[in-house]
Amino acid sequence: MLIDTHCHLDFADFDAERDELVARAREAGVAQMVTISTRVKKLDTLLALTERFPGVFCSVGTHPNNADEELDVTADEFVRLAESHDKIVAIGECGLDYFYDTQKPEDQKTGFLRQIEASRRTQLPLVIHSRSADEDMAAILTEEMGKGAFPFILHCFSSGEALARTGIELGGYVSFSGILTFPKSTELRDIAKGLPLDRLLVETDAPYLAPKRWRGKRNEPSYVVNTAEVLAETMGVSFDEMARITTDNAFRLFTKMPRL
């Protein structure tokens, strides 16, 4: 059994075949999926998917590249929404993205801090997006953790070793996507080797970043199997052991998500 801890099943890329791709995921051993929020205003769409598919859960949050659209969403509102439905199991995705120069850093930080507060208050895991922002991300996480602990994931990890180490030291988890499987991702695999097994997760970030076996195609949750295979090889354990480890880790982190 595997869990795709981060995908975007609401995206238009899947409009023609959601039933089929969820079925393919289950056939591949991916029993549960977390479809991740990028805009609070689209939460109803995510909830409809969770109600349609028993193995699908969701988060509530605002992506940093949409930060200016939802500056009116307060920490109180994130908390209220997170507690409004059994299938909302996480906060985010939120964080900092300095790669795409589409949002003011201060707007991204405002949304990020509100969602950190919501995670701290609900103790639901915070799904963190960090791109080209390692130093600022490490500083914010360290400062905010000092105000009160909150669970978090460094999702689709492709940052430097220092941020990975900071995340682990602060009690966070590191999630690897198809990027880990790319031939040129030697440095990323080296970073993974130095991380504790009990903090590792796998994800697709579908429809983006299909792993090596399907490189160039639209990604989907069933493809997380290839990422788990490469992570297992990287860590020197069997695929079955890696599946067990990452699944156990997911349920330890996503405390609101039941085993089905």
C-alpha atoms as a PDB file:
ATOM      1  CA  MET A   1       0.000   0.000   0.000  1.00  0.00           C
ATOM      2  CA  LEU A   2       1.151   3.517  -0.854  1.00  0.00           C
ATOM      3  CA  ILE A   3      -0.304   6.945  -0.186  1.00  0.00           C
ATOM      4  CA  ASP A   4       0.043   9.813  -2.632  1.00  0.00           C
ATOM      5  CA  THR A   5       0.327  12.578  -0.055  1.00  0.00           C
ATOM      6  CA  HIS A   6       0.119  15.417  -2.576  1.00  0.00           C
ATOM      7  CA  CYS A   7      -1.790  15.620  -5.845  1.00  0.00           C
ATOM      8  CA  HIS A   8      -4.234  18.007  -7.497  1.00  0.00           C
ATOM      9  CA  LEU A   9      -7.200  15.942  -8.627  1.00  0.00           C
ATOM     10  CA  ASP A  10      -9.336  19.041  -9.125  1.00  0.00           C
ATOM     11  CA  PHE A  11      -7.151  20.372 -11.931  1.00  0.00           C
ATOM     12  CA  ALA A  12      -8.646  20.468 -15.422  1.00  0.00           C
ATOM     13  CA  ASP A  13      -5.983  18.018 -16.658  1.00  0.00           C
ATOM     14  CA  PHE A  14      -8.075  15.232 -15.112  1.00  0.00           C
ATOM     15  CA  ASP A  15     -11.554  16.335 -16.184  1.00  0.00           C
ATOM     16  CA  ALA A  16     -11.940  13.576 -18.777  1.00  0.00           C
ATOM     17  CA  GLU A  17     -11.015  10.586 -16.604  1.00  0.00           C
ATOM     18  CA  ARG A  18     -11.048  11.070 -12.841  1.00  0.00           C
ATOM     19  CA  ASP A  19     -12.849   7.788 -12.215  1.00  0.00           C
ATOM     20  CA  GLU A  20     -10.322   5.920 -14.347  1.00  0.00           C
ATOM     21  CA  LEU A  21      -7.235   7.475 -12.754  1.00  0.00           C
ATOM     22  CA  VAL A  22      -8.510   6.803  -9.228  1.00  0.00           C
ATOM     23  CA  ALA A  23      -9.156   3.203 -10.288  1.00  0.00           C
ATOM     24  CA  ARG A  24      -5.651   2.938 -11.777  1.00  0.00           C
ATOM     25  CA  ALA A  25      -4.178   4.253  -8.540  1.00  0.00           C
ATOM     26  CA  ARG A  26      -5.958   1.595  -6.506  1.00  0.00           C
ATOM     27  CA  GLU A  27      -4.871  -1.130  -8.945  1.00  0.00           C
ATOM     28  CA  ALA A  28      -1.269   0.063  -8.507  1.00  0.00           C
ATOM     29  CA  GLY A  29      -1.558  -0.181  -4.716  1.00  0.00           C
ATOM     30  CA  VAL A  30      -2.116   3.527  -4.050  1.00  0.00           C
ATOM     31  CA  ALA A  31      -5.027   3.171  -1.676  1.00  0.00           C
ATOM     32  CA  GLN A  32      -5.368   6.766  -0.490  1.00  0.00           C
ATOM     33  CA  MET A  33      -4.626  10.208  -1.880  1.00  0.00           C
ATOM     34  CA  VAL A  34      -4.582  13.759  -0.522  1.00  0.00           C
ATOM     35  CA  THR A  35      -5.707  16.309  -3.091  1.00  0.00           C
ATOM     36  CA  ILE A  36      -4.173  19.631  -2.115  1.00  0.00           C
ATOM     37  CA  SER A  37      -5.815  23.040  -2.004  1.00  0.00           C
ATOM     38  CA  THR A  38      -4.304  25.960  -3.891  1.00  0.00           C
ATOM     39  CA  ARG A  39      -7.196  28.389  -3.321  1.00  0.00           C
ATOM     40  CA  VAL A  40      -9.660  28.461  -0.436  1.00  0.00           C
ATOM     41  CA  LYS A  41     -12.387  29.596  -2.822  1.00  0.00           C
ATOM     42  CA  LYS A  42     -12.165  26.219  -4.584  1.00  0.00           C
ATOM     43  CA  LEU A  43     -12.598  24.145  -1.422  1.00  0.00           C
ATOM     44  CA  ASP A  44     -16.100  23.028  -2.386  1.00  0.00           C
ATOM     45  CA  THR A  45     -14.668  21.372  -5.495  1.00  0.00           C
ATOM     46  CA  LEU A  46     -12.124  19.471  -3.426  1.00  0.00           C
ATOM     47  CA  LEU A  47     -14.740  18.381  -0.915  1.00  0.00           C
ATOM     48  CA  ALA A  48     -16.940  17.087  -3.724  1.00  0.00           C
ATOM     49  CA  LEU A  49     -14.051  14.892  -4.863  1.00  0.00           C
ATOM     50  CA  THR A  50     -13.493  13.552  -1.360  1.00  0.00           C
ATOM     51  CA  GLU A  51     -17.162  12.655  -1.106  1.00  0.00           C
ATOM     52  CA  ARG A  52     -17.110  10.988  -4.530  1.00  0.00           C
ATOM     53  CA  PHE A  53     -14.057   8.828  -3.819  1.00  0.00           C
ATOM     54  CA  PRO A  54     -13.706   7.151  -0.396  1.00  0.00           C
ATOM     55  CA  GLY A  55      -9.898   7.034  -0.577  1.00  0.00           C
ATOM     56  CA  VAL A  56      -9.459  10.721  -1.397  1.00  0.00           C
ATOM     57  CA  PHE A  57      -8.896  13.367   1.277  1.00  0.00           C
ATOM     58  CA  CYS A  58      -8.000  17.051   0.968  1.00  0.00           C
ATOM     59  CA  SER A  59      -6.414  20.102   2.543  1.00  0.00           C
ATOM     60  CA  VAL A  60      -7.510  23.716   2.781  1.00  0.00           C
ATOM     61  CA  GLY A  61      -5.103  26.534   1.966  1.00  0.00           C
ATOM     62  CA  THR A  62      -3.741  29.176  -0.366  1.00  0.00           C
ATOM     63  CA  HIS A  63      -0.720  28.526  -2.592  1.00  0.00           C
ATOM     64  CA  PRO A  64       1.975  31.227  -2.378  1.00  0.00           C
ATOM     65  CA  ASN A  65       1.562  31.925  -6.097  1.00  0.00           C
ATOM     66  CA  ASN A  66      -2.065  32.847  -5.378  1.00  0.00           C
ATOM     67  CA  ALA A  67      -1.308  34.802  -2.211  1.00  0.00           C
ATOM     68  CA  ASP A  68      -2.721  38.160  -3.297  1.00  0.00           C
ATOM     69  CA  GLU A  69      -6.092  36.596  -4.168  1.00  0.00           C
ATOM     70  CA  GLU A  70      -6.847  35.524  -0.598  1.00  0.00           C
ATOM     71  CA  LEU A  71      -5.291  38.039   1.760  1.00  0.00           C
ATOM     72  CA  ASP A  72      -8.736  38.373   3.330  1.00  0.00           C
ATOM     73  CA  VAL A  73      -8.633  34.784   4.615  1.00  0.00           C
ATOM     74  CA  THR A  74      -7.669  34.935   8.288  1.00  0.00           C
ATOM     75  CA  ALA A  75      -6.130  32.279  10.513  1.00  0.00           C
ATOM     76  CA  ASP A  76      -9.510  31.969  12.228  1.00  0.00           C
ATOM     77  CA  GLU A  77     -11.136  31.199   8.882  1.00  0.00           C
ATOM     78  CA  PHE A  78      -8.525  28.565   8.011  1.00  0.00           C
ATOM     79  CA  VAL A  79      -9.187  26.929  11.382  1.00  0.00           C
ATOM     80  CA  ARG A  80     -12.952  27.079  10.943  1.00  0.00           C
ATOM     81  CA  LEU A  81     -12.778  25.507   7.506  1.00  0.00           C
ATOM     82  CA  ALA A  82     -10.262  22.857   8.550  1.00  0.00           C
ATOM     83  CA  GLU A  83     -12.601  21.740  11.330  1.00  0.00           C
ATOM     84  CA  SER A  84     -15.723  21.843   9.167  1.00  0.00           C
ATOM     85  CA  HIS A  85     -15.336  18.487   7.399  1.00  0.00           C
ATOM     86  CA  ASP A  86     -13.929  15.090   8.351  1.00  0.00           C
ATOM     87  CA  LYS A  87     -12.062  14.758   5.073  1.00  0.00           C
ATOM     88  CA  ILE A  88     -10.030  17.958   5.435  1.00  0.00           C
ATOM     89  CA  VAL A  89      -6.820  16.487   6.850  1.00  0.00           C
ATOM     90  CA  ALA A  90      -4.206  19.233   6.309  1.00  0.00           C
ATOM     91  CA  ILE A  91      -3.564  22.971   5.939  1.00  0.00           C
ATOM     92  CA  GLY A  92      -1.987  24.423   2.785  1.00  0.00           C
ATOM     93  CA  GLU A  93      -0.271  24.293   0.440  1.00  0.00           C
ATOM     94  CA  CYS A  94       1.406  27.488   1.492  1.00  0.00           C
ATOM     95  CA  GLY A  95       4.904  28.876   1.766  1.00  0.00           C
ATOM     96  CA  LEU A  96       7.338  30.888  -0.317  1.00  0.00           C
ATOM     97  CA  ASP A  97       8.058  30.810  -4.048  1.00  0.00           C
ATOM     98  CA  TYR A  98      10.759  33.183  -5.225  1.00  0.00           C
ATOM     99  CA  PHE A  99      11.267  31.320  -8.507  1.00  0.00           C
ATOM    100  CA  TYR A 100       8.122  32.707 -10.094  1.00  0.00           C
ATOM    101  CA  ASP A 101       8.093  36.464  -9.630  1.00  0.00           C
ATOM    102  CA  THR A 102       4.301  36.744  -9.572  1.00  0.00           C
ATOM    103  CA  GLN A 103       3.587  37.572  -5.919  1.00  0.00           C
ATOM    104  CA  LYS A 104       5.070  40.015  -3.454  1.00  0.00           C
ATOM    105  CA  PRO A 105       7.177  38.234  -0.835  1.00  0.00           C
ATOM    106  CA  GLU A 106       5.335  40.082   1.918  1.00  0.00           C
ATOM    107  CA  ASP A 107       1.968  38.797   0.618  1.00  0.00           C
ATOM    108  CA  GLN A 108       3.305  35.250   0.482  1.00  0.00           C
ATOM    109  CA  LYS A 109       4.620  35.587   4.024  1.00  0.00           C
ATOM    110  CA  THR A 110       1.306  36.959   5.289  1.00  0.00           C
ATOM    111  CA  GLY A 111      -0.602  33.967   3.987  1.00  0.00           C
ATOM    112  CA  PHE A 112       2.085  31.559   5.150  1.00  0.00           C
ATOM    113  CA  LEU A 113       2.063  32.859   8.721  1.00  0.00           C
ATOM    114  CA  ARG A 114      -1.719  32.659   8.931  1.00  0.00           C
ATOM    115  CA  GLN A 115      -1.656  29.056   7.766  1.00  0.00           C
ATOM    116  CA  ILE A 116       1.147  28.227  10.214  1.00  0.00           C
ATOM    117  CA  GLU A 117      -1.080  29.572  12.973  1.00  0.00           C
ATOM    118  CA  ALA A 118      -3.977  27.457  11.732  1.00  0.00           C
ATOM    119  CA  SER A 119      -1.775  24.363  11.712  1.00  0.00           C
ATOM    120  CA  ARG A 120      -0.538  25.125  15.225  1.00  0.00           C
ATOM    121  CA  ARG A 121      -4.101  25.526  16.508  1.00  0.00           C
ATOM    122  CA  THR A 122      -5.580  22.483  14.766  1.00  0.00           C
ATOM    123  CA  GLN A 123      -2.437  20.308  14.820  1.00  0.00           C
ATOM    124  CA  LEU A 124      -3.203  19.351  11.220  1.00  0.00           C
ATOM    125  CA  PRO A 125      -0.054  19.037   9.101  1.00  0.00           C
ATOM    126  CA  LEU A 126       1.045  22.123   7.199  1.00  0.00           C
ATOM    127  CA  VAL A 127       1.843  21.396   3.538  1.00  0.00           C
ATOM    128  CA  ILE A 128       4.774  23.661   2.669  1.00  0.00           C
ATOM    129  CA  HIS A 129       5.779  24.817  -0.809  1.00  0.00           C
ATOM    130  CA  SER A 130       9.310  26.225  -0.861  1.00  0.00           C
ATOM    131  CA  ARG A 131      11.089  27.177  -4.074  1.00  0.00           C
ATOM    132  CA  SER A 132      14.244  29.285  -4.338  1.00  0.00           C
ATOM    133  CA  ALA A 133      13.596  30.478  -0.778  1.00  0.00           C
ATOM    134  CA  ASP A 134      15.677  28.161   1.425  1.00  0.00           C
ATOM    135  CA  GLU A 135      17.131  30.742   3.808  1.00  0.00           C
ATOM    136  CA  ASP A 136      13.883  32.632   4.399  1.00  0.00           C
ATOM    137  CA  MET A 137      11.962  29.373   4.781  1.00  0.00           C
ATOM    138  CA  ALA A 138      14.392  27.987   7.363  1.00  0.00           C
ATOM    139  CA  ALA A 139      14.310  31.265   9.307  1.00  0.00           C
ATOM    140  CA  ILE A 140      10.497  31.439   9.372  1.00  0.00           C
ATOM    141  CA  LEU A 141      10.091  27.792  10.377  1.00  0.00           C
ATOM    142  CA  THR A 142      12.647  28.141  13.158  1.00  0.00           C
ATOM    143  CA  GLU A 143      11.096  31.345  14.498  1.00  0.00           C
ATOM    144  CA  GLU A 144       7.518  30.076  14.282  1.00  0.00           C
ATOM    145  CA  MET A 145       8.304  26.721  15.869  1.00  0.00           C
ATOM    146  CA  GLY A 146       9.600  28.680  18.856  1.00  0.00           C
ATOM    147  CA  LYS A 147       6.098  30.089  19.319  1.00  0.00           C
ATOM    148  CA  GLY A 148       4.499  26.653  19.513  1.00  0.00           C
ATOM    149  CA  ALA A 149       4.927  23.384  17.663  1.00  0.00           C
ATOM    150  CA  PHE A 150       3.038  22.486  14.495  1.00  0.00           C
ATOM    151  CA  PRO A 151       3.393  19.428  12.202  1.00  0.00           C
ATOM    152  CA  PHE A 152       4.617  20.093   8.679  1.00  0.00           C
ATOM    153  CA  ILE A 153       5.761  18.622   5.371  1.00  0.00           C
ATOM    154  CA  LEU A 154       8.379  20.048   3.038  1.00  0.00           C
ATOM    155  CA  HIS A 155       6.486  18.925  -0.031  1.00  0.00           C
ATOM    156  CA  CYS A 156       7.978  18.052  -3.437  1.00  0.00           C
ATOM    157  CA  PHE A 157      11.398  18.540  -1.909  1.00  0.00           C
ATOM    158  CA  SER A 158      14.006  19.902  -4.307  1.00  0.00           C
ATOM    159  CA  SER A 159      15.793  22.371  -2.039  1.00  0.00           C
ATOM    160  CA  GLY A 160      19.235  22.193  -0.462  1.00  0.00           C
ATOM    161  CA  GLU A 161      20.515  19.937   2.288  1.00  0.00           C
ATOM    162  CA  ALA A 162      20.467  22.731   4.869  1.00  0.00           C
ATOM    163  CA  LEU A 163      16.695  23.193   4.566  1.00  0.00           C
ATOM    164  CA  ALA A 164      16.117  19.443   4.728  1.00  0.00           C
ATOM    165  CA  ARG A 165      18.191  19.267   7.915  1.00  0.00           C
ATOM    166  CA  THR A 166      16.379  22.232   9.440  1.00  0.00           C
ATOM    167  CA  GLY A 167      13.042  20.651   8.620  1.00  0.00           C
ATOM    168  CA  ILE A 168      14.003  17.362  10.246  1.00  0.00           C
ATOM    169  CA  GLU A 169      15.461  19.066  13.331  1.00  0.00           C
ATOM    170  CA  LEU A 170      12.195  20.969  13.783  1.00  0.00           C
ATOM    171  CA  GLY A 171      10.191  17.745  13.634  1.00  0.00           C
ATOM    172  CA  GLY A 172       9.013  17.989  10.047  1.00  0.00           C
ATOM    173  CA  TYR A 173       8.697  15.465   7.243  1.00  0.00           C
ATOM    174  CA  VAL A 174      10.270  15.550   3.774  1.00  0.00           C
ATOM    175  CA  SER A 175       8.203  14.413   0.794  1.00  0.00           C
ATOM    176  CA  PHE A 176       9.749  13.356  -2.496  1.00  0.00           C
ATOM    177  CA  SER A 177       8.106  13.579  -5.897  1.00  0.00           C
ATOM    178  CA  GLY A 178       9.089  12.338  -9.340  1.00  0.00           C
ATOM    179  CA  ILE A 179      12.000  14.798  -9.307  1.00  0.00           C
ATOM    180  CA  LEU A 180      13.857  12.243  -7.185  1.00  0.00           C
ATOM    181  CA  THR A 181      13.839   9.809 -10.121  1.00  0.00           C
ATOM    182  CA  PHE A 182      15.310  12.145 -12.723  1.00  0.00           C
ATOM    183  CA  PRO A 183      18.797  11.153 -13.942  1.00  0.00           C
ATOM    184  CA  LYS A 184      20.229  14.569 -13.043  1.00  0.00           C
ATOM    185  CA  SER A 185      18.843  14.472  -9.474  1.00  0.00           C
ATOM    186  CA  THR A 186      21.981  12.884  -7.999  1.00  0.00           C
ATOM    187  CA  GLU A 187      22.355  15.629  -5.395  1.00  0.00           C
ATOM    188  CA  LEU A 188      18.725  15.236  -4.311  1.00  0.00           C
ATOM    189  CA  ARG A 189      19.160  11.483  -3.882  1.00  0.00           C
ATOM    190  CA  ASP A 190      22.286  12.154  -1.822  1.00  0.00           C
ATOM    191  CA  ILE A 191      20.258  14.442   0.434  1.00  0.00           C
ATOM    192  CA  ALA A 192      17.598  11.759   0.814  1.00  0.00           C
ATOM    193  CA  LYS A 193      20.215   9.213   1.900  1.00  0.00           C
ATOM    194  CA  GLY A 194      21.037  11.354   4.921  1.00  0.00           C
ATOM    195  CA  LEU A 195      17.453  11.628   6.191  1.00  0.00           C
ATOM    196  CA  PRO A 196      15.802   9.359   8.767  1.00  0.00           C
ATOM    197  CA  LEU A 197      13.422   6.768   7.365  1.00  0.00           C
ATOM    198  CA  ASP A 198      10.657   7.763   9.754  1.00  0.00           C
ATOM    199  CA  ARG A 199      10.385  11.246   8.196  1.00  0.00           C
ATOM    200  CA  LEU A 200      10.029  10.278   4.522  1.00  0.00           C
ATOM    201  CA  LEU A 201       6.914  10.590   2.362  1.00  0.00           C
ATOM    202  CA  VAL A 202       6.170  10.095  -1.330  1.00  0.00           C
ATOM    203  CA  GLU A 203       3.896  12.104  -3.591  1.00  0.00           C
ATOM    204  CA  THR A 204       3.208  12.867  -7.236  1.00  0.00           C
ATOM    205  CA  ASP A 205       2.239  16.567  -7.279  1.00  0.00           C
ATOM    206  CA  ALA A 206       0.119  15.357 -10.199  1.00  0.00           C
ATOM    207  CA  PRO A 207      -0.519  16.477 -12.876  1.00  0.00           C
ATOM    208  CA  TYR A 208       3.055  17.777 -12.732  1.00  0.00           C
ATOM    209  CA  LEU A 209       6.474  16.105 -12.552  1.00  0.00           C
ATOM    210  CA  ALA A 210       5.856  12.579 -13.805  1.00  0.00           C
ATOM    211  CA  PRO A 211       8.675  10.285 -12.610  1.00  0.00           C
ATOM    212  CA  LYS A 212      11.321   8.886 -14.927  1.00  0.00           C
ATOM    213  CA  ARG A 213       9.317   5.886 -16.116  1.00  0.00           C
ATOM    214  CA  TRP A 214       6.629   8.227 -17.467  1.00  0.00           C
ATOM    215  CA  ARG A 215       8.719  11.356 -18.043  1.00  0.00           C
ATOM    216  CA  GLY A 216       7.056  13.777 -20.418  1.00  0.00           C
ATOM    217  CA  LYS A 217       3.549  12.489 -19.722  1.00  0.00           C
ATOM    218  CA  ARG A 218       0.874  13.982 -17.512  1.00  0.00           C
ATOM    219  CA  ASN A 219       1.464  12.704 -13.991  1.00  0.00           C
ATOM    220  CA  GLU A 220      -1.165  10.802 -11.984  1.00  0.00           C
ATOM    221  CA  PRO A 221      -1.350   9.181  -8.525  1.00  0.00           C
ATOM    222  CA  SER A 222      -0.549   5.632  -9.724  1.00  0.00           C
ATOM    223  CA  TYR A 223       2.881   6.872 -10.826  1.00  0.00           C
ATOM    224  CA  VAL A 224       3.956   7.425  -7.213  1.00  0.00           C
ATOM    225  CA  VAL A 225       5.006   3.764  -7.339  1.00  0.00           C
ATOM    226  CA  ASN A 226       8.062   4.699  -9.422  1.00  0.00           C
ATOM    227  CA  THR A 227       9.092   7.391  -6.950  1.00  0.00           C
ATOM    228  CA  ALA A 228       8.775   4.902  -4.085  1.00  0.00           C
ATOM    229  CA  GLU A 229      10.898   2.395  -6.036  1.00  0.00           C
ATOM    230  CA  VAL A 230      13.700   4.928  -6.520  1.00  0.00           C
ATOM    231  CA  LEU A 231      13.471   6.114  -2.909  1.00  0.00           C
ATOM    232  CA  ALA A 232      13.736   2.496  -1.751  1.00  0.00           C
ATOM    233  CA  GLU A 233      16.821   1.947  -3.890  1.00  0.00           C
ATOM    234  CA  THR A 234      18.309   5.214  -2.658  1.00  0.00           C
ATOM    235  CA  MET A 235      17.775   4.287   0.997  1.00  0.00           C
ATOM    236  CA  GLY A 236      18.922   0.690   0.581  1.00  0.00           C
ATOM    237  CA  VAL A 237      15.655  -1.000   1.507  1.00  0.00           C
ATOM    238  CA  SER A 238      13.174  -3.129  -0.421  1.00  0.00           C
ATOM    239  CA  PHE A 239      10.220  -1.585  -2.220  1.00  0.00           C
ATOM    240  CA  ASP A 240       7.793  -3.356   0.132  1.00  0.00           C
ATOM    241  CA  GLU A 241       9.634  -1.956   3.139  1.00  0.00           C
ATOM    242  CA  MET A 242       9.608   1.560   1.697  1.00  0.00           C
ATOM    243  CA  ALA A 243       5.879   1.271   0.986  1.00  0.00           C
ATOM    244  CA  ARG A 244       5.287   0.245   4.602  1.00  0.00           C
ATOM    245  CA  ILE A 245       7.538   2.995   5.976  1.00  0.00           C
ATOM    246  CA  THR A 246       6.069   5.862   3.950  1.00  0.00           C
ATOM    247  CA  THR A 247       2.515   4.690   4.582  1.00  0.00           C
ATOM    248  CA  ASP A 248       3.091   4.440   8.332  1.00  0.00           C
ATOM    249  CA  ASN A 249       4.707   7.879   8.242  1.00  0.00           C
ATOM    250  CA  ALA A 250       1.722   9.328   6.393  1.00  0.00           C
ATOM    251  CA  PHE A 251      -0.771   8.024   8.932  1.00  0.00           C
ATOM    252  CA  ARG A 252       1.405   9.233  11.813  1.00  0.00           C
ATOM    253  CA  LEU A 253       1.416  12.724  10.295  1.00  0.00           C
ATOM    254  CA  PHE A 254      -2.112  12.926   8.863  1.00  0.00           C
ATOM    255  CA  THR A 255      -3.744  12.045  12.170  1.00  0.00           C
ATOM    256  CA  LYS A 256      -7.227  12.890  10.902  1.00  0.00           C
ATOM    257  CA  MET A 257      -6.985  10.482   7.963  1.00  0.00           C
ATOM    258  CA  PRO A 258      -8.196   6.962   8.758  1.00  0.00           C
ATOM    259  CA  ARG A 259      -6.808   3.777   7.240  1.00  0.00           C
ATOM    260  CA  LEU A 260      -9.356   2.458   4.765  1.00  0.00           C
END
